[in-house]
C-alpha atoms as a PDB file:
ATOM      1  CA  MET A   1       0.000   0.000   0.000  1.00  0.00           C
ATOM      2  CA  HIS A   2       1.115   3.568  -0.749  1.00  0.00           C
ATOM      3  CA  ILE A   3      -0.402   6.807   0.478  1.00  0.00           C
ATOM      4  CA  PHE A   4       0.303  10.011  -1.399  1.00  0.00           C
ATOM      5  CA  GLY A   5      -0.450  13.723  -1.518  1.00  0.00           C
ATOM      6  CA  GLU A   6       0.083  16.763   0.679  1.00  0.00           C
ATOM      7  CA  SER A   7      -2.093  18.647   3.131  1.00  0.00           C
ATOM      8  CA  HIS A   8      -2.588  21.609   0.772  1.00  0.00           C
ATOM      9  CA  GLY A   9      -1.925  19.870  -2.539  1.00  0.00           C
ATOM     10  CA  GLU A  10      -4.653  18.973  -5.013  1.00  0.00           C
ATOM     11  CA  SER A  11      -5.511  15.704  -3.293  1.00  0.00           C
ATOM     12  CA  ALA A  12      -4.513  12.953  -0.921  1.00  0.00           C
ATOM     13  CA  GLY A  13      -4.993   9.318  -1.724  1.00  0.00           C
ATOM     14  CA  LEU A  14      -3.889   5.710  -1.654  1.00  0.00           C
ATOM     15  CA  ASN A  15      -2.971   2.855  -3.923  1.00  0.00           C
ATOM     16  CA  ILE A  16      -3.442  -0.720  -2.689  1.00  0.00           C
ATOM     17  CA  ASP A  17      -2.465  -3.961  -4.380  1.00  0.00           C
ATOM     18  CA  GLY A  18      -3.562  -7.451  -3.403  1.00  0.00           C
ATOM     19  CA  ILE A  19      -7.255  -6.805  -2.745  1.00  0.00           C
ATOM     20  CA  PRO A  20      -9.246  -9.913  -3.707  1.00  0.00           C
ATOM     21  CA  ALA A  21     -11.468  -9.554  -6.754  1.00  0.00           C
ATOM     22  CA  GLY A  22     -15.223  -9.380  -6.310  1.00  0.00           C
ATOM     23  CA  LEU A  23     -15.426  -7.344  -3.095  1.00  0.00           C
ATOM     24  CA  PRO A  24     -18.449  -5.002  -3.329  1.00  0.00           C
ATOM     25  CA  LEU A  25     -17.270  -1.429  -2.890  1.00  0.00           C
ATOM     26  CA  SER A  26     -19.139   1.869  -3.158  1.00  0.00           C
ATOM     27  CA  VAL A  27     -18.744   5.474  -2.041  1.00  0.00           C
ATOM     28  CA  GLU A  28     -21.364   4.840   0.651  1.00  0.00           C
ATOM     29  CA  ASP A  29     -19.139   2.207   2.297  1.00  0.00           C
ATOM     30  CA  PHE A  30     -16.621   4.904   3.200  1.00  0.00           C
ATOM     31  CA  LEU A  31     -18.895   7.624   4.539  1.00  0.00           C
ATOM     32  CA  PRO A  32     -19.387   6.497   8.183  1.00  0.00           C
ATOM     33  CA  ASP A  33     -15.674   6.136   8.968  1.00  0.00           C
ATOM     34  CA  ILE A  34     -14.669   9.171   6.908  1.00  0.00           C
ATOM     35  CA  GLU A  35     -17.218  11.216   8.885  1.00  0.00           C
ATOM     36  CA  ARG A  36     -15.755   9.970  12.174  1.00  0.00           C
ATOM     37  CA  ARG A  37     -12.294  11.204  11.142  1.00  0.00           C
ATOM     38  CA  LYS A  38     -13.378  14.707  10.140  1.00  0.00           C
ATOM     39  CA  GLY A  39     -12.475  17.806  12.096  1.00  0.00           C
ATOM     40  CA  GLY A  40     -14.979  20.440  13.102  1.00  0.00           C
ATOM     41  CA  THR A  41     -17.617  17.920  14.126  1.00  0.00           C
ATOM     42  CA  GLN A  42     -16.666  17.836  17.795  1.00  0.00           C
ATOM     43  CA  LYS A  43     -15.236  20.132  20.437  1.00  0.00           C
ATOM     44  CA  GLY A  44     -11.451  20.389  20.326  1.00  0.00           C
ATOM     45  CA  THR A  45     -10.928  19.566  16.622  1.00  0.00           C
ATOM     46  CA  THR A  46      -9.791  21.748  13.738  1.00  0.00           C
ATOM     47  CA  PRO A  47     -12.490  23.807  11.972  1.00  0.00           C
ATOM     48  CA  ARG A  48     -11.056  22.745   8.594  1.00  0.00           C
ATOM     49  CA  GLN A  49     -13.722  20.735   6.767  1.00  0.00           C
ATOM     50  CA  GLU A  50     -13.326  18.680   3.597  1.00  0.00           C
ATOM     51  CA  SER A  51     -16.137  16.722   1.906  1.00  0.00           C
ATOM     52  CA  ASP A  52     -13.790  13.712   1.530  1.00  0.00           C
ATOM     53  CA  LEU A  53     -15.919  11.825  -0.957  1.00  0.00           C
ATOM     54  CA  PRO A  54     -13.731   9.019  -2.326  1.00  0.00           C
ATOM     55  CA  ILE A  55     -12.982   9.122  -6.041  1.00  0.00           C
ATOM     56  CA  PHE A  56     -12.184   5.692  -7.495  1.00  0.00           C
ATOM     57  CA  LYS A  57      -9.518   5.957 -10.191  1.00  0.00           C
ATOM     58  CA  SER A  58      -8.710   2.260 -10.712  1.00  0.00           C
ATOM     59  CA  GLY A  59      -9.436  -1.194  -9.353  1.00  0.00           C
ATOM     60  CA  VAL A  60     -13.259  -0.960  -9.170  1.00  0.00           C
ATOM     61  CA  PHE A  61     -15.632  -1.919 -11.985  1.00  0.00           C
ATOM     62  CA  ASN A  62     -19.404  -2.329 -11.807  1.00  0.00           C
ATOM     63  CA  GLY A  63     -19.298  -1.772  -8.051  1.00  0.00           C
ATOM     64  CA  LYS A  64     -16.783  -4.542  -7.287  1.00  0.00           C
ATOM     65  CA  THR A  65     -13.016  -4.769  -6.952  1.00  0.00           C
ATOM     66  CA  THR A  66     -11.277  -6.147 -10.031  1.00  0.00           C
ATOM     67  CA  GLY A  67      -8.173  -7.622  -8.391  1.00  0.00           C
ATOM     68  CA  ALA A  68      -6.049  -4.885  -9.977  1.00  0.00           C
ATOM     69  CA  PRO A  69      -4.394  -2.175  -7.853  1.00  0.00           C
ATOM     70  CA  LEU A  70      -7.010   0.110  -6.316  1.00  0.00           C
ATOM     71  CA  THR A  71      -6.469   3.878  -6.413  1.00  0.00           C
ATOM     72  CA  ILE A  72      -8.655   6.326  -4.471  1.00  0.00           C
ATOM     73  CA  LEU A  73      -8.368  10.126  -4.351  1.00  0.00           C
ATOM     74  CA  PHE A  74      -9.656  12.638  -1.796  1.00  0.00           C
ATOM     75  CA  GLU A  75      -9.663  16.230  -3.021  1.00  0.00           C
ATOM     76  CA  ASN A  76      -8.379  19.142  -0.933  1.00  0.00           C
ATOM     77  CA  ASN A  77     -10.751  22.076  -1.350  1.00  0.00           C
ATOM     78  CA  ASN A  78     -10.605  23.931   1.981  1.00  0.00           C
ATOM     79  CA  THR A  79      -7.029  25.146   2.400  1.00  0.00           C
ATOM     80  CA  ARG A  80      -5.519  28.368   3.747  1.00  0.00           C
ATOM     81  CA  SER A  81      -1.909  28.175   2.614  1.00  0.00           C
ATOM     82  CA  GLY A  82      -1.186  31.794   3.495  1.00  0.00           C
ATOM     83  CA  ASP A  83      -1.152  30.842   7.175  1.00  0.00           C
ATOM     84  CA  TYR A  84       2.044  28.874   6.509  1.00  0.00           C
ATOM     85  CA  ALA A  85       3.829  31.241   4.107  1.00  0.00           C
ATOM     86  CA  LYS A  86       3.798  33.944   6.809  1.00  0.00           C
ATOM     87  CA  GLN A  87       5.629  31.741   9.317  1.00  0.00           C
ATOM     88  CA  ARG A  88       8.087  30.082   6.934  1.00  0.00           C
ATOM     89  CA  GLU A  89      11.095  31.577   8.728  1.00  0.00           C
ATOM     90  CA  PHE A  90      10.434  29.315  11.716  1.00  0.00           C
ATOM     91  CA  PRO A  91      10.744  25.516  11.538  1.00  0.00           C
ATOM     92  CA  ARG A  92       7.851  24.757  13.877  1.00  0.00           C
ATOM     93  CA  PRO A  93       8.801  22.950  17.111  1.00  0.00           C
ATOM     94  CA  GLY A  94       7.416  19.409  17.238  1.00  0.00           C
ATOM     95  CA  HIS A  95       6.785  19.342  13.476  1.00  0.00           C
ATOM     96  CA  ALA A  96       8.776  17.783  10.632  1.00  0.00           C
ATOM     97  CA  ASP A  97       9.622  21.180   9.076  1.00  0.00           C
ATOM     98  CA  PHE A  98      13.319  21.098   9.951  1.00  0.00           C
ATOM     99  CA  VAL A  99      14.022  17.460   9.073  1.00  0.00           C
ATOM    100  CA  ALA A 100      11.957  17.649   5.867  1.00  0.00           C
ATOM    101  CA  ASN A 101      13.888  20.710   4.742  1.00  0.00           C
ATOM    102  CA  ARG A 102      17.225  19.023   5.396  1.00  0.00           C
ATOM    103  CA  LYS A 103      16.201  15.706   3.825  1.00  0.00           C
ATOM    104  CA  PHE A 104      14.603  17.175   0.688  1.00  0.00           C
ATOM    105  CA  GLY A 105      16.811  20.215   0.205  1.00  0.00           C
ATOM    106  CA  GLY A 106      14.072  22.813   0.630  1.00  0.00           C
ATOM    107  CA  TYR A 107      11.885  21.424  -2.173  1.00  0.00           C
ATOM    108  CA  GLU A 108       9.290  19.982   0.214  1.00  0.00           C
ATOM    109  CA  ASP A 109       5.721  21.289   0.251  1.00  0.00           C
ATOM    110  CA  TYR A 110       5.620  22.912   3.687  1.00  0.00           C
ATOM    111  CA  ARG A 111       1.986  24.097   3.560  1.00  0.00           C
ATOM    112  CA  GLY A 112       0.007  22.506   6.356  1.00  0.00           C
ATOM    113  CA  GLY A 113       2.826  20.085   7.029  1.00  0.00           C
ATOM    114  CA  GLY A 114       2.814  18.817   3.446  1.00  0.00           C
ATOM    115  CA  HIS A 115       3.253  15.062   3.127  1.00  0.00           C
ATOM    116  CA  PHE A 116       3.818  14.776   6.886  1.00  0.00           C
ATOM    117  CA  SER A 117       0.360  16.083   7.748  1.00  0.00           C
ATOM    118  CA  GLY A 118      -2.349  14.234   9.630  1.00  0.00           C
ATOM    119  CA  ARG A 119      -4.509  15.116   6.620  1.00  0.00           C
ATOM    120  CA  LEU A 120      -3.141  11.973   4.975  1.00  0.00           C
ATOM    121  CA  THR A 121      -4.792   9.783   7.604  1.00  0.00           C
ATOM    122  CA  VAL A 122      -7.899  10.032   5.400  1.00  0.00           C
ATOM    123  CA  ALA A 123      -6.090   7.525   3.165  1.00  0.00           C
ATOM    124  CA  LEU A 124      -5.443   5.210   6.120  1.00  0.00           C
ATOM    125  CA  VAL A 125      -9.124   5.351   7.049  1.00  0.00           C
ATOM    126  CA  ALA A 126     -10.095   4.461   3.474  1.00  0.00           C
ATOM    127  CA  ALA A 127      -7.777   1.455   3.535  1.00  0.00           C
ATOM    128  CA  GLY A 128      -9.335   0.461   6.845  1.00  0.00           C
ATOM    129  CA  VAL A 129     -12.831   0.506   5.357  1.00  0.00           C
ATOM    130  CA  ILE A 130     -11.734  -2.029   2.755  1.00  0.00           C
ATOM    131  CA  ALA A 131      -9.868  -4.142   5.305  1.00  0.00           C
ATOM    132  CA  LYS A 132     -12.884  -4.230   7.645  1.00  0.00           C
ATOM    133  CA  LYS A 133     -15.068  -5.473   4.764  1.00  0.00           C
ATOM    134  CA  LEU A 134     -12.533  -8.205   3.989  1.00  0.00           C
ATOM    135  CA  LEU A 135     -12.463  -9.299   7.631  1.00  0.00           C
ATOM    136  CA  LEU A 136     -16.202 -10.000   7.467  1.00  0.00           C
ATOM    137  CA  THR A 137     -15.997 -12.254   4.399  1.00  0.00           C
ATOM    138  CA  ALA A 138     -16.028 -16.063   4.404  1.00  0.00           C
ATOM    139  CA  GLY A 139     -18.147 -16.196   7.543  1.00  0.00           C
ATOM    140  CA  ASN A 140     -15.609 -14.370   9.687  1.00  0.00           C
ATOM    141  CA  LYS A 141     -17.004 -12.202  12.481  1.00  0.00           C
ATOM    142  CA  ILE A 142     -13.995 -10.073  13.282  1.00  0.00           C
ATOM    143  CA  THR A 143     -14.724  -6.668  14.780  1.00  0.00           C
ATOM    144  CA  ILE A 144     -12.390  -3.838  15.738  1.00  0.00           C
ATOM    145  CA  GLN A 145     -13.386  -1.047  18.094  1.00  0.00           C
ATOM    146  CA  SER A 146     -11.348   1.845  19.399  1.00  0.00           C
ATOM    147  CA  ARG A 147     -12.104   4.565  21.940  1.00  0.00           C
ATOM    148  CA  ILE A 148     -10.473   7.423  23.824  1.00  0.00           C
ATOM    149  CA  VAL A 149      -9.792   6.472  27.432  1.00  0.00           C
ATOM    150  CA  GLU A 150      -7.919   9.538  28.637  1.00  0.00           C
ATOM    151  CA  ILE A 151      -7.264  13.157  27.660  1.00  0.00           C
ATOM    152  CA  GLY A 152      -4.646  15.255  29.391  1.00  0.00           C
ATOM    153  CA  GLY A 153      -4.283  12.660  32.136  1.00  0.00           C
ATOM    154  CA  GLU A 154      -8.019  12.726  32.867  1.00  0.00           C
ATOM    155  CA  ALA A 155     -10.474   9.840  32.443  1.00  0.00           C
ATOM    156  CA  ASP A 156     -13.158  12.528  32.293  1.00  0.00           C
ATOM    157  CA  LEU A 157     -12.583  13.614  28.690  1.00  0.00           C
ATOM    158  CA  GLU A 158     -14.415  16.926  29.027  1.00  0.00           C
ATOM    159  CA  LYS A 159     -12.291  17.782  32.054  1.00  0.00           C
ATOM    160  CA  GLY A 160      -9.125  16.966  30.120  1.00  0.00           C
ATOM    161  CA  LEU A 161     -10.174  19.160  27.213  1.00  0.00           C
ATOM    162  CA  GLN A 162     -11.088  22.007  29.521  1.00  0.00           C
ATOM    163  CA  LYS A 163      -7.595  21.888  31.040  1.00  0.00           C
ATOM    164  CA  ALA A 164      -6.162  22.607  27.589  1.00  0.00           C
ATOM    165  CA  ILE A 165      -8.723  25.334  26.884  1.00  0.00           C
ATOM    166  CA  ASP A 166      -7.948  27.030  30.189  1.00  0.00           C
ATOM    167  CA  ALA A 167      -4.203  26.815  29.500  1.00  0.00           C
ATOM    168  CA  LYS A 168      -4.688  28.049  25.904  1.00  0.00           C
ATOM    169  CA  ASP A 169      -2.589  25.080  24.828  1.00  0.00           C
ATOM    170  CA  SER A 170      -2.930  21.656  23.212  1.00  0.00           C
ATOM    171  CA  VAL A 171      -3.156  18.313  24.990  1.00  0.00           C
ATOM    172  CA  GLY A 172      -2.529  14.607  24.377  1.00  0.00           C
ATOM    173  CA  GLY A 173      -4.449  11.456  25.186  1.00  0.00           C
ATOM    174  CA  ILE A 174      -4.623   7.667  25.315  1.00  0.00           C
ATOM    175  CA  VAL A 175      -6.649   5.583  22.851  1.00  0.00           C
ATOM    176  CA  SER A 176      -7.468   1.899  23.272  1.00  0.00           C
ATOM    177  CA  CYS A 177      -8.285  -0.715  20.647  1.00  0.00           C
ATOM    178  CA  GLU A 178      -9.863  -4.162  20.834  1.00  0.00           C
ATOM    179  CA  ALA A 179     -10.154  -6.750  18.062  1.00  0.00           C
ATOM    180  CA  THR A 180     -12.515  -9.682  18.613  1.00  0.00           C
ATOM    181  CA  GLY A 181     -13.346 -12.879  16.738  1.00  0.00           C
ATOM    182  CA  LEU A 182      -9.805 -13.647  15.600  1.00  0.00           C
ATOM    183  CA  PRO A 183      -8.593 -17.196  14.998  1.00  0.00           C
ATOM    184  CA  VAL A 184      -5.570 -18.774  16.693  1.00  0.00           C
ATOM    185  CA  GLY A 185      -2.374 -18.663  14.656  1.00  0.00           C
ATOM    186  CA  LEU A 186      -1.994 -15.224  13.044  1.00  0.00           C
ATOM    187  CA  GLY A 187       1.548 -13.874  13.046  1.00  0.00           C
ATOM    188  CA  GLU A 188       5.031 -15.337  13.243  1.00  0.00           C
ATOM    189  CA  PRO A 189       7.714 -15.412  15.939  1.00  0.00           C
ATOM    190  CA  PHE A 190      10.190 -12.536  16.136  1.00  0.00           C
ATOM    191  CA  PHE A 191      10.190  -9.951  13.316  1.00  0.00           C
ATOM    192  CA  ASP A 192       6.728 -10.660  11.946  1.00  0.00           C
ATOM    193  CA  SER A 193       4.991 -11.114  15.274  1.00  0.00           C
ATOM    194  CA  ALA A 194       1.413  -9.873  15.406  1.00  0.00           C
ATOM    195  CA  GLU A 195       2.497  -7.150  17.850  1.00  0.00           C
ATOM    196  CA  SER A 196       5.377  -6.090  15.594  1.00  0.00           C
ATOM    197  CA  LEU A 197       3.150  -5.749  12.540  1.00  0.00           C
ATOM    198  CA  ILE A 198       0.425  -3.868  14.400  1.00  0.00           C
ATOM    199  CA  SER A 199       3.000  -1.569  16.009  1.00  0.00           C
ATOM    200  CA  HIS A 200       4.606  -0.844  12.632  1.00  0.00           C
ATOM    201  CA  ALA A 201       1.241   0.223  11.220  1.00  0.00           C
ATOM    202  CA  VAL A 202       0.261   2.176  14.332  1.00  0.00           C
ATOM    203  CA  PHE A 203       3.349   4.381  14.065  1.00  0.00           C
ATOM    204  CA  ALA A 204       2.182   5.441  10.605  1.00  0.00           C
ATOM    205  CA  ILE A 205      -0.349   7.565  12.513  1.00  0.00           C
ATOM    206  CA  PRO A 206       1.226  10.974  13.142  1.00  0.00           C
ATOM    207  CA  ALA A 207       1.493  11.872  16.852  1.00  0.00           C
ATOM    208  CA  VAL A 208       1.740   8.302  18.205  1.00  0.00           C
ATOM    209  CA  ARG A 209       4.343   8.121  20.965  1.00  0.00           C
ATOM    210  CA  GLY A 210       3.883   4.684  22.475  1.00  0.00           C
ATOM    211  CA  ILE A 211       2.005   1.382  22.405  1.00  0.00           C
ATOM    212  CA  GLU A 212       1.361  -1.375  24.925  1.00  0.00           C
ATOM    213  CA  PHE A 213      -0.430  -4.722  24.601  1.00  0.00           C
ATOM    214  CA  GLY A 214      -2.489  -6.247  27.396  1.00  0.00           C
ATOM    215  CA  THR A 215      -1.204  -5.029  30.739  1.00  0.00           C
ATOM    216  CA  GLY A 216       1.790  -3.489  28.960  1.00  0.00           C
ATOM    217  CA  PHE A 217       4.228  -1.655  31.201  1.00  0.00           C
ATOM    218  CA  GLN A 218       2.229  -2.641  34.269  1.00  0.00           C
ATOM    219  CA  ALA A 219       3.460  -6.200  33.655  1.00  0.00           C
ATOM    220  CA  ALA A 220       6.908  -5.138  34.833  1.00  0.00           C
ATOM    221  CA  GLN A 221       5.467  -4.737  38.357  1.00  0.00           C
ATOM    222  CA  MET A 222       3.654  -8.104  38.469  1.00  0.00           C
ATOM    223  CA  PHE A 223       4.626 -11.611  39.582  1.00  0.00           C
ATOM    224  CA  GLY A 224       4.697 -14.291  36.903  1.00  0.00           C
ATOM    225  CA  ALA A 225       1.883 -16.300  38.488  1.00  0.00           C
ATOM    226  CA  ASP A 226      -0.323 -13.205  38.398  1.00  0.00           C
ATOM    227  CA  HIS A 227       0.596 -12.186  34.858  1.00  0.00           C
ATOM    228  CA  ASN A 228       0.203 -15.620  33.253  1.00  0.00           C
ATOM    229  CA  ASP A 229      -3.163 -16.238  31.552  1.00  0.00           C
ATOM    230  CA  PRO A 230      -4.500 -19.697  32.527  1.00  0.00           C
ATOM    231  CA  ILE A 231      -6.109 -21.563  29.598  1.00  0.00           C
ATOM    232  CA  VAL A 232      -9.640 -22.636  30.516  1.00  0.00           C
ATOM    233  CA  ASP A 233     -10.802 -24.655  27.497  1.00  0.00           C
ATOM    234  CA  ALA A 234      -9.660 -26.353  24.283  1.00  0.00           C
ATOM    235  CA  THR A 235     -10.349 -23.249  22.165  1.00  0.00           C
ATOM    236  CA  GLY A 236      -7.514 -21.455  23.965  1.00  0.00           C
ATOM    237  CA  LYS A 237      -9.763 -19.138  25.927  1.00  0.00           C
ATOM    238  CA  THR A 238      -7.932 -17.747  28.936  1.00  0.00           C
ATOM    239  CA  LYS A 239      -9.121 -16.724  32.380  1.00  0.00           C
ATOM    240  CA  THR A 240      -7.348 -13.363  32.121  1.00  0.00           C
ATOM    241  CA  ASN A 241      -5.889 -11.500  29.165  1.00  0.00           C
ATOM    242  CA  HIS A 242      -2.699  -9.882  30.422  1.00  0.00           C
ATOM    243  CA  ALA A 243      -0.976 -10.893  27.164  1.00  0.00           C
ATOM    244  CA  GLY A 244      -3.475  -8.881  25.138  1.00  0.00           C
ATOM    245  CA  GLY A 245      -4.416 -11.807  22.897  1.00  0.00           C
ATOM    246  CA  ILE A 246      -0.935 -12.506  21.528  1.00  0.00           C
ATOM    247  CA  VAL A 247       1.615 -15.038  22.824  1.00  0.00           C
ATOM    248  CA  GLY A 248       4.916 -15.800  21.134  1.00  0.00           C
ATOM    249  CA  GLY A 249       4.010 -13.297  18.446  1.00  0.00           C
ATOM    250  CA  ILE A 250       0.946 -15.366  17.484  1.00  0.00           C
ATOM    251  CA  THR A 251      -2.728 -14.663  18.159  1.00  0.00           C
ATOM    252  CA  ASN A 252      -4.153 -17.045  20.767  1.00  0.00           C
ATOM    253  CA  GLY A 253      -7.860 -16.658  19.958  1.00  0.00           C
ATOM    254  CA  ASN A 254      -8.582 -14.179  22.727  1.00  0.00           C
ATOM    255  CA  ASP A 255      -9.317 -10.526  22.082  1.00  0.00           C
ATOM    256  CA  ILE A 256      -6.355  -8.421  20.966  1.00  0.00           C
ATOM    257  CA  VAL A 257      -6.222  -5.483  23.370  1.00  0.00           C
ATOM    258  CA  PHE A 258      -3.765  -2.601  23.190  1.00  0.00           C
ATOM    259  CA  ARG A 259      -3.447   1.104  23.934  1.00  0.00           C
ATOM    260  CA  ILE A 260      -1.528   3.926  22.281  1.00  0.00           C
ATOM    261  CA  ALA A 261      -0.237   7.251  23.588  1.00  0.00           C
ATOM    262  CA  ILE A 262      -0.933  10.363  21.487  1.00  0.00           C
ATOM    263  CA  LYS A 263       1.236  13.444  21.994  1.00  0.00           C
ATOM    264  CA  PRO A 264      -0.216  16.944  22.412  1.00  0.00           C
ATOM    265  CA  THR A 265      -0.801  18.708  19.100  1.00  0.00           C
ATOM    266  CA  SER A 266       2.496  20.349  18.120  1.00  0.00           C
ATOM    267  CA  SER A 267       0.643  23.351  16.690  1.00  0.00           C
ATOM    268  CA  THR A 268      -0.056  25.319  19.855  1.00  0.00           C
ATOM    269  CA  PRO A 269      -0.944  29.024  20.130  1.00  0.00           C
ATOM    270  CA  LYS A 270       1.370  29.285  23.133  1.00  0.00           C
ATOM    271  CA  ASP A 271       4.336  31.592  22.659  1.00  0.00           C
ATOM    272  CA  GLN A 272       7.556  29.600  22.164  1.00  0.00           C
ATOM    273  CA  VAL A 273      11.192  30.540  21.772  1.00  0.00           C
ATOM    274  CA  THR A 274      12.759  28.699  18.856  1.00  0.00           C
ATOM    275  CA  LEU A 275      15.151  29.103  15.935  1.00  0.00           C
ATOM    276  CA  ASN A 276      14.456  31.659  13.224  1.00  0.00           C
ATOM    277  CA  TRP A 277      16.511  30.112  10.417  1.00  0.00           C
ATOM    278  CA  GLU A 278      16.511  33.315   8.355  1.00  0.00           C
ATOM    279  CA  THR A 279      18.274  35.300  11.103  1.00  0.00           C
ATOM    280  CA  ASN A 280      19.903  32.244  12.754  1.00  0.00           C
ATOM    281  CA  GLN A 281      18.756  33.662  16.097  1.00  0.00           C
ATOM    282  CA  LEU A 282      16.336  32.400  18.727  1.00  0.00           C
ATOM    283  CA  ASP A 283      13.069  34.291  18.521  1.00  0.00           C
ATOM    284  CA  HIS A 284       9.501  34.312  19.839  1.00  0.00           C
ATOM    285  CA  PHE A 285       7.016  32.345  17.767  1.00  0.00           C
ATOM    286  CA  SER A 286       3.445  31.033  17.948  1.00  0.00           C
ATOM    287  CA  VAL A 287       1.606  28.852  15.455  1.00  0.00           C
ATOM    288  CA  LYS A 288      -1.186  30.371  13.384  1.00  0.00           C
ATOM    289  CA  GLY A 289      -3.835  28.509  11.400  1.00  0.00           C
ATOM    290  CA  ARG A 290      -6.513  25.900  12.098  1.00  0.00           C
ATOM    291  CA  HIS A 291      -5.474  22.994  14.297  1.00  0.00           C
ATOM    292  CA  ASP A 292      -6.772  20.319  16.627  1.00  0.00           C
ATOM    293  CA  LEU A 293      -6.743  21.115  20.325  1.00  0.00           C
ATOM    294  CA  CYS A 294      -6.384  17.372  20.932  1.00  0.00           C
ATOM    295  CA  ILE A 295      -5.381  15.047  18.088  1.00  0.00           C
ATOM    296  CA  ALA A 296      -6.496  12.023  20.118  1.00  0.00           C
ATOM    297  CA  LEU A 297     -10.128  12.993  19.464  1.00  0.00           C
ATOM    298  CA  ARG A 298      -9.764  11.991  15.812  1.00  0.00           C
ATOM    299  CA  VAL A 299      -7.521   8.949  16.279  1.00  0.00           C
ATOM    300  CA  PRO A 300      -9.958   6.098  17.162  1.00  0.00           C
ATOM    301  CA  VAL A 301     -11.195   5.500  13.607  1.00  0.00           C
ATOM    302  CA  VAL A 302      -7.635   5.763  12.242  1.00  0.00           C
ATOM    303  CA  LEU A 303      -6.420   3.259  14.820  1.00  0.00           C
ATOM    304  CA  GLU A 304      -9.175   0.845  13.834  1.00  0.00           C
ATOM    305  CA  ALA A 305      -8.149   1.290  10.208  1.00  0.00           C
ATOM    306  CA  VAL A 306      -4.456   0.451  10.562  1.00  0.00           C
ATOM    307  CA  THR A 307      -5.313  -2.489  12.831  1.00  0.00           C
ATOM    308  CA  ALA A 308      -7.768  -3.815  10.248  1.00  0.00           C
ATOM    309  CA  MET A 309      -5.122  -3.450   7.527  1.00  0.00           C
ATOM    310  CA  VAL A 310      -2.678  -5.660   9.423  1.00  0.00           C
ATOM    311  CA  LEU A 311      -5.268  -8.258  10.416  1.00  0.00           C
ATOM    312  CA  ALA A 312      -6.644  -8.494   6.875  1.00  0.00           C
ATOM    313  CA  ASP A 313      -3.127  -9.097   5.556  1.00  0.00           C
ATOM    314  CA  LEU A 314      -2.559 -11.828   8.144  1.00  0.00           C
ATOM    315  CA  MET A 315      -5.901 -13.451   7.340  1.00  0.00           C
ATOM    316  CA  LEU A 316      -5.054 -13.437   3.625  1.00  0.00           C
ATOM    317  CA  LEU A 317      -1.680 -15.047   4.361  1.00  0.00           C
ATOM    318  CA  GLU A 318      -3.412 -17.807   6.327  1.00  0.00           C
ATOM    319  CA  GLN A 319      -6.001 -18.185   3.517  1.00  0.00           C
ATOM    320  CA  LYS A 320      -8.822 -17.257   5.884  1.00  0.00           C
ATOM    321  CA  ILE A 321     -10.032 -14.784   3.240  1.00  0.00           C
ATOM    322  CA  PRO A 322     -10.585 -16.080  -0.319  1.00  0.00           C
ATOM    323  CA  ARG A 323      -8.713 -14.528  -3.231  1.00  0.00           C
ATOM    324  CA  ILE A 324     -11.992 -14.145  -5.119  1.00  0.00           C
ATOM    325  CA  ILE A 325     -15.041 -13.001  -3.165  1.00  0.00           C
ATOM    326  CA  ALA A 326     -18.112 -14.935  -4.238  1.00  0.00           C
ATOM    327  CA  SER A 327     -21.263 -12.873  -4.674  1.00  0.00           C
END
């Protein structure tokens, strides 16, 4: 899979190979998850709004996938690039401005973060829609659900948001994910463990700072007899789920459970002292433009998407999903 585009370019999009032929696919399939990802629909998110109707460019014919690479575009129509031209002299703290400039020699599209922007998560969500549909083929009943469990250190999400509003700053959060209905045997030991593959995909989400499966870091404070998950029947069901549904890098048939840490939005209106690379002096700077108060608010659907992508790949490898979807 490839994702492409820039925050303020003509479009963002994705190209995926390996989708089985015959999977029904329409614009309507994408709307619920695309709507969940949008800003401006809930307190604490950016007021930037895009229609985000998917435009199929290849890989779909007569409402079904063809087996050829699938290309989908999402147009950018609501941009304010002038906000970024005015602050070009400052590589924004917490953003990729400095490293992008050094890596690409100043040719990068810096508007809205360019190719590094969270805007491109619309492509991840689109891939997740397809992956979720694949996970429900062949009688499978795999579901993936994600939710925000903490904002700004507060389980009361409104209280956490209010802390940021009162401080006139941004704030981070913790998002959990649970996948149910999985078979035993997905994943491989070591480099292609189920946790490794999920973690790799999760860090494609901008702003992710950490991940833990099951009891995660809390496991370091437990005794072995307490952390072990006793098996209670021949299906592999366990009494507890401290392992988070994965043992030895392989799914054990229990729910996969993990949590991720999301950093505070780097674009904060707070005054900061940072490098002005035109004068080569430290100077006062604050970010202008439209930004999320808390990125975590928009992450759950993206987290579901990247998890579904990995699980669909693993199911295809184990031939749990047919290469041609029968109508």
